[in-house]
Amino acid sequence: MATTFLTSLSEEEFKIFLKSAISEIINGRNNLSTPDVPDILDAKQAADFLRLRISTLYEKTSEKRVPHFKRGNKLYFNRQQLQSWLEEGKVKTTDELQGEAASYSMHREAKKFNR
């Protein structure tokens, strides 16, 4: 149930409050809107976290493509490792690729002149 309240904030105070609330949401510190996710996840929790079907998760673990732990017949996952694994799949923008290509070319040309 949502809480309703009335207040007499000035426009500037309201802007500061709103900026702070938005910052908390963006940085993931607002536990009101997102359920707590434990540090160690079972297979179902990990599949939900990654937004994968559980069969897809099992496939990826059998191929050793997803970081995981195994105790007996149970699979466990570290939430931070899964988050890092997701972030490793970032697709570079055209500007990033062009910057890397230019840097590589300049480095290679510098090597030629130093021989």
C-alpha atoms as a PDB file:
ATOM      1  CA  MET A   1       0.000   0.000   0.000  1.00  0.00           C
ATOM      2  CA  ALA A   2       1.431   3.370  -1.006  1.00  0.00           C
ATOM      3  CA  THR A   3       1.967   6.047   1.606  1.00  0.00           C
ATOM      4  CA  THR A   4       0.570   9.501   0.873  1.00  0.00           C
ATOM      5  CA  PHE A   5       1.919  12.585   2.609  1.00  0.00           C
ATOM      6  CA  LEU A   6       1.548  16.327   2.327  1.00  0.00           C
ATOM      7  CA  THR A   7       4.431  18.685   2.912  1.00  0.00           C
ATOM      8  CA  SER A   8       5.365  22.283   2.434  1.00  0.00           C
ATOM      9  CA  LEU A   9       8.703  21.997   0.676  1.00  0.00           C
ATOM     10  CA  SER A  10       9.983  24.897  -1.323  1.00  0.00           C
ATOM     11  CA  GLU A  11      10.574  24.305  -5.005  1.00  0.00           C
ATOM     12  CA  GLU A  12      14.339  24.142  -4.412  1.00  0.00           C
ATOM     13  CA  GLU A  13      13.962  21.678  -1.507  1.00  0.00           C
ATOM     14  CA  PHE A  14      11.705  19.499  -3.662  1.00  0.00           C
ATOM     15  CA  LYS A  15      14.270  19.502  -6.504  1.00  0.00           C
ATOM     16  CA  ILE A  16      17.020  18.435  -4.087  1.00  0.00           C
ATOM     17  CA  PHE A  17      14.799  15.672  -2.680  1.00  0.00           C
ATOM     18  CA  LEU A  18      13.877  14.476  -6.177  1.00  0.00           C
ATOM     19  CA  LYS A  19      17.508  14.442  -7.377  1.00  0.00           C
ATOM     20  CA  SER A  20      18.518  12.433  -4.312  1.00  0.00           C
ATOM     21  CA  ALA A  21      15.697   9.905  -4.809  1.00  0.00           C
ATOM     22  CA  ILE A  22      16.496   9.462  -8.507  1.00  0.00           C
ATOM     23  CA  SER A  23      20.196   9.031  -7.732  1.00  0.00           C
ATOM     24  CA  GLU A  24      19.397   6.290  -5.192  1.00  0.00           C
ATOM     25  CA  ILE A  25      17.225   4.463  -7.708  1.00  0.00           C
ATOM     26  CA  ILE A  26      19.825   4.694 -10.474  1.00  0.00           C
ATOM     27  CA  ASN A  27      22.618   3.497  -8.185  1.00  0.00           C
ATOM     28  CA  GLY A  28      20.501   0.582  -6.972  1.00  0.00           C
ATOM     29  CA  ARG A  29      20.474   1.637  -3.332  1.00  0.00           C
ATOM     30  CA  ASN A  30      16.714   1.886  -3.067  1.00  0.00           C
ATOM     31  CA  ASN A  31      15.571  -1.361  -1.474  1.00  0.00           C
ATOM     32  CA  LEU A  32      11.924  -0.276  -1.623  1.00  0.00           C
ATOM     33  CA  SER A  33      11.547  -0.890  -5.347  1.00  0.00           C
ATOM     34  CA  THR A  34      13.865  -3.882  -5.792  1.00  0.00           C
ATOM     35  CA  PRO A  35      13.758  -7.078  -3.780  1.00  0.00           C
ATOM     36  CA  ASP A  36      16.897  -8.049  -1.879  1.00  0.00           C
ATOM     37  CA  VAL A  37      19.027 -10.438  -3.868  1.00  0.00           C
ATOM     38  CA  PRO A  38      21.267 -12.690  -1.747  1.00  0.00           C
ATOM     39  CA  ASP A  39      24.998 -12.925  -2.440  1.00  0.00           C
ATOM     40  CA  ILE A  40      24.810 -16.681  -3.098  1.00  0.00           C
ATOM     41  CA  LEU A  41      22.092 -17.814  -5.506  1.00  0.00           C
ATOM     42  CA  ASP A  42      20.691 -21.206  -6.347  1.00  0.00           C
ATOM     43  CA  ALA A  43      20.037 -22.151  -9.976  1.00  0.00           C
ATOM     44  CA  LYS A  44      16.479 -20.770 -10.058  1.00  0.00           C
ATOM     45  CA  GLN A  45      17.499 -17.471  -8.447  1.00  0.00           C
ATOM     46  CA  ALA A  46      20.454 -17.164 -10.830  1.00  0.00           C
ATOM     47  CA  ALA A  47      18.240 -17.862 -13.851  1.00  0.00           C
ATOM     48  CA  ASP A  48      15.803 -15.188 -12.643  1.00  0.00           C
ATOM     49  CA  PHE A  49      18.666 -12.753 -12.001  1.00  0.00           C
ATOM     50  CA  LEU A  50      20.082 -13.326 -15.493  1.00  0.00           C
ATOM     51  CA  ARG A  51      16.598 -13.447 -17.046  1.00  0.00           C
ATOM     52  CA  LEU A  52      17.332 -16.821 -18.619  1.00  0.00           C
ATOM     53  CA  ARG A  53      15.355 -20.038 -18.741  1.00  0.00           C
ATOM     54  CA  ILE A  54      16.778 -22.486 -16.233  1.00  0.00           C
ATOM     55  CA  SER A  55      17.547 -24.958 -19.033  1.00  0.00           C
ATOM     56  CA  THR A  56      19.625 -22.252 -20.769  1.00  0.00           C
ATOM     57  CA  LEU A  57      21.490 -21.599 -17.524  1.00  0.00           C
ATOM     58  CA  TYR A  58      22.247 -25.326 -17.106  1.00  0.00           C
ATOM     59  CA  GLU A  59      23.497 -25.426 -20.698  1.00  0.00           C
ATOM     60  CA  LYS A  60      25.814 -22.477 -20.113  1.00  0.00           C
ATOM     61  CA  THR A  61      27.164 -23.968 -16.880  1.00  0.00           C
ATOM     62  CA  SER A  62      27.852 -27.329 -18.538  1.00  0.00           C
ATOM     63  CA  GLU A  63      29.845 -25.442 -21.189  1.00  0.00           C
ATOM     64  CA  LYS A  64      31.618 -23.554 -18.352  1.00  0.00           C
ATOM     65  CA  ARG A  65      30.501 -20.222 -19.814  1.00  0.00           C
ATOM     66  CA  VAL A  66      28.895 -18.929 -16.594  1.00  0.00           C
ATOM     67  CA  PRO A  67      30.823 -18.676 -13.302  1.00  0.00           C
ATOM     68  CA  HIS A  68      29.379 -21.116 -10.770  1.00  0.00           C
ATOM     69  CA  PHE A  69      30.112 -23.458  -7.862  1.00  0.00           C
ATOM     70  CA  LYS A  70      29.029 -27.023  -7.388  1.00  0.00           C
ATOM     71  CA  ARG A  71      28.396 -28.881  -4.117  1.00  0.00           C
ATOM     72  CA  GLY A  72      27.153 -32.381  -4.659  1.00  0.00           C
ATOM     73  CA  ASN A  73      24.440 -32.176  -7.298  1.00  0.00           C
ATOM     74  CA  LYS A  74      23.604 -28.530  -6.555  1.00  0.00           C
ATOM     75  CA  LEU A  75      24.793 -25.477  -8.461  1.00  0.00           C
ATOM     76  CA  TYR A  76      25.393 -22.149  -6.731  1.00  0.00           C
ATOM     77  CA  PHE A  77      26.239 -18.744  -8.126  1.00  0.00           C
ATOM     78  CA  ASN A  78      27.856 -15.619  -6.694  1.00  0.00           C
ATOM     79  CA  ARG A  79      25.700 -12.602  -7.529  1.00  0.00           C
ATOM     80  CA  GLN A  80      28.687 -10.227  -7.974  1.00  0.00           C
ATOM     81  CA  GLN A  81      30.402 -12.692 -10.303  1.00  0.00           C
ATOM     82  CA  LEU A  82      27.237 -13.002 -12.382  1.00  0.00           C
ATOM     83  CA  GLN A  83      26.977  -9.201 -12.538  1.00  0.00           C
ATOM     84  CA  SER A  84      30.618  -8.976 -13.695  1.00  0.00           C
ATOM     85  CA  TRP A  85      30.024 -11.741 -16.238  1.00  0.00           C
ATOM     86  CA  LEU A  86      27.083  -9.798 -17.656  1.00  0.00           C
ATOM     87  CA  GLU A  87      29.120  -6.606 -17.874  1.00  0.00           C
ATOM     88  CA  GLU A  88      31.956  -8.417 -19.705  1.00  0.00           C
ATOM     89  CA  GLY A  89      29.548  -8.905 -22.599  1.00  0.00           C
ATOM     90  CA  LYS A  90      29.267  -5.162 -23.213  1.00  0.00           C
ATOM     91  CA  VAL A  91      29.218  -4.341 -26.908  1.00  0.00           C
ATOM     92  CA  LYS A  92      31.592  -1.517 -27.747  1.00  0.00           C
ATOM     93  CA  THR A  93      30.245   1.546 -29.504  1.00  0.00           C
ATOM     94  CA  THR A  94      31.522   2.608 -32.914  1.00  0.00           C
ATOM     95  CA  ASP A  95      33.389   5.506 -31.294  1.00  0.00           C
ATOM     96  CA  GLU A  96      35.127   3.132 -28.854  1.00  0.00           C
ATOM     97  CA  LEU A  97      36.150   0.792 -31.677  1.00  0.00           C
ATOM     98  CA  GLN A  98      37.423   3.655 -33.817  1.00  0.00           C
ATOM     99  CA  GLY A  99      39.400   5.011 -30.860  1.00  0.00           C
ATOM    100  CA  GLU A 100      40.992   1.611 -30.250  1.00  0.00           C
ATOM    101  CA  ALA A 101      41.815   1.244 -33.946  1.00  0.00           C
ATOM    102  CA  ALA A 102      43.433   4.689 -34.060  1.00  0.00           C
ATOM    103  CA  SER A 103      45.419   3.972 -30.899  1.00  0.00           C
ATOM    104  CA  TYR A 104      46.581   0.620 -32.292  1.00  0.00           C
ATOM    105  CA  SER A 105      47.628   2.196 -35.587  1.00  0.00           C
ATOM    106  CA  MET A 106      49.565   4.980 -33.858  1.00  0.00           C
ATOM    107  CA  HIS A 107      51.294   2.476 -31.565  1.00  0.00           C
ATOM    108  CA  ARG A 108      52.211   0.265 -34.502  1.00  0.00           C
ATOM    109  CA  GLU A 109      53.606   3.225 -36.500  1.00  0.00           C
ATOM    110  CA  ALA A 110      55.671   4.294 -33.480  1.00  0.00           C
ATOM    111  CA  LYS A 111      57.181   0.797 -33.282  1.00  0.00           C
ATOM    112  CA  LYS A 112      58.231   0.966 -36.962  1.00  0.00           C
ATOM    113  CA  PHE A 113      60.161   4.181 -36.381  1.00  0.00           C
ATOM    114  CA  ASN A 114      61.898   2.856 -33.259  1.00  0.00           C
ATOM    115  CA  ARG A 115      63.496  -0.107 -35.095  1.00  0.00           C
END
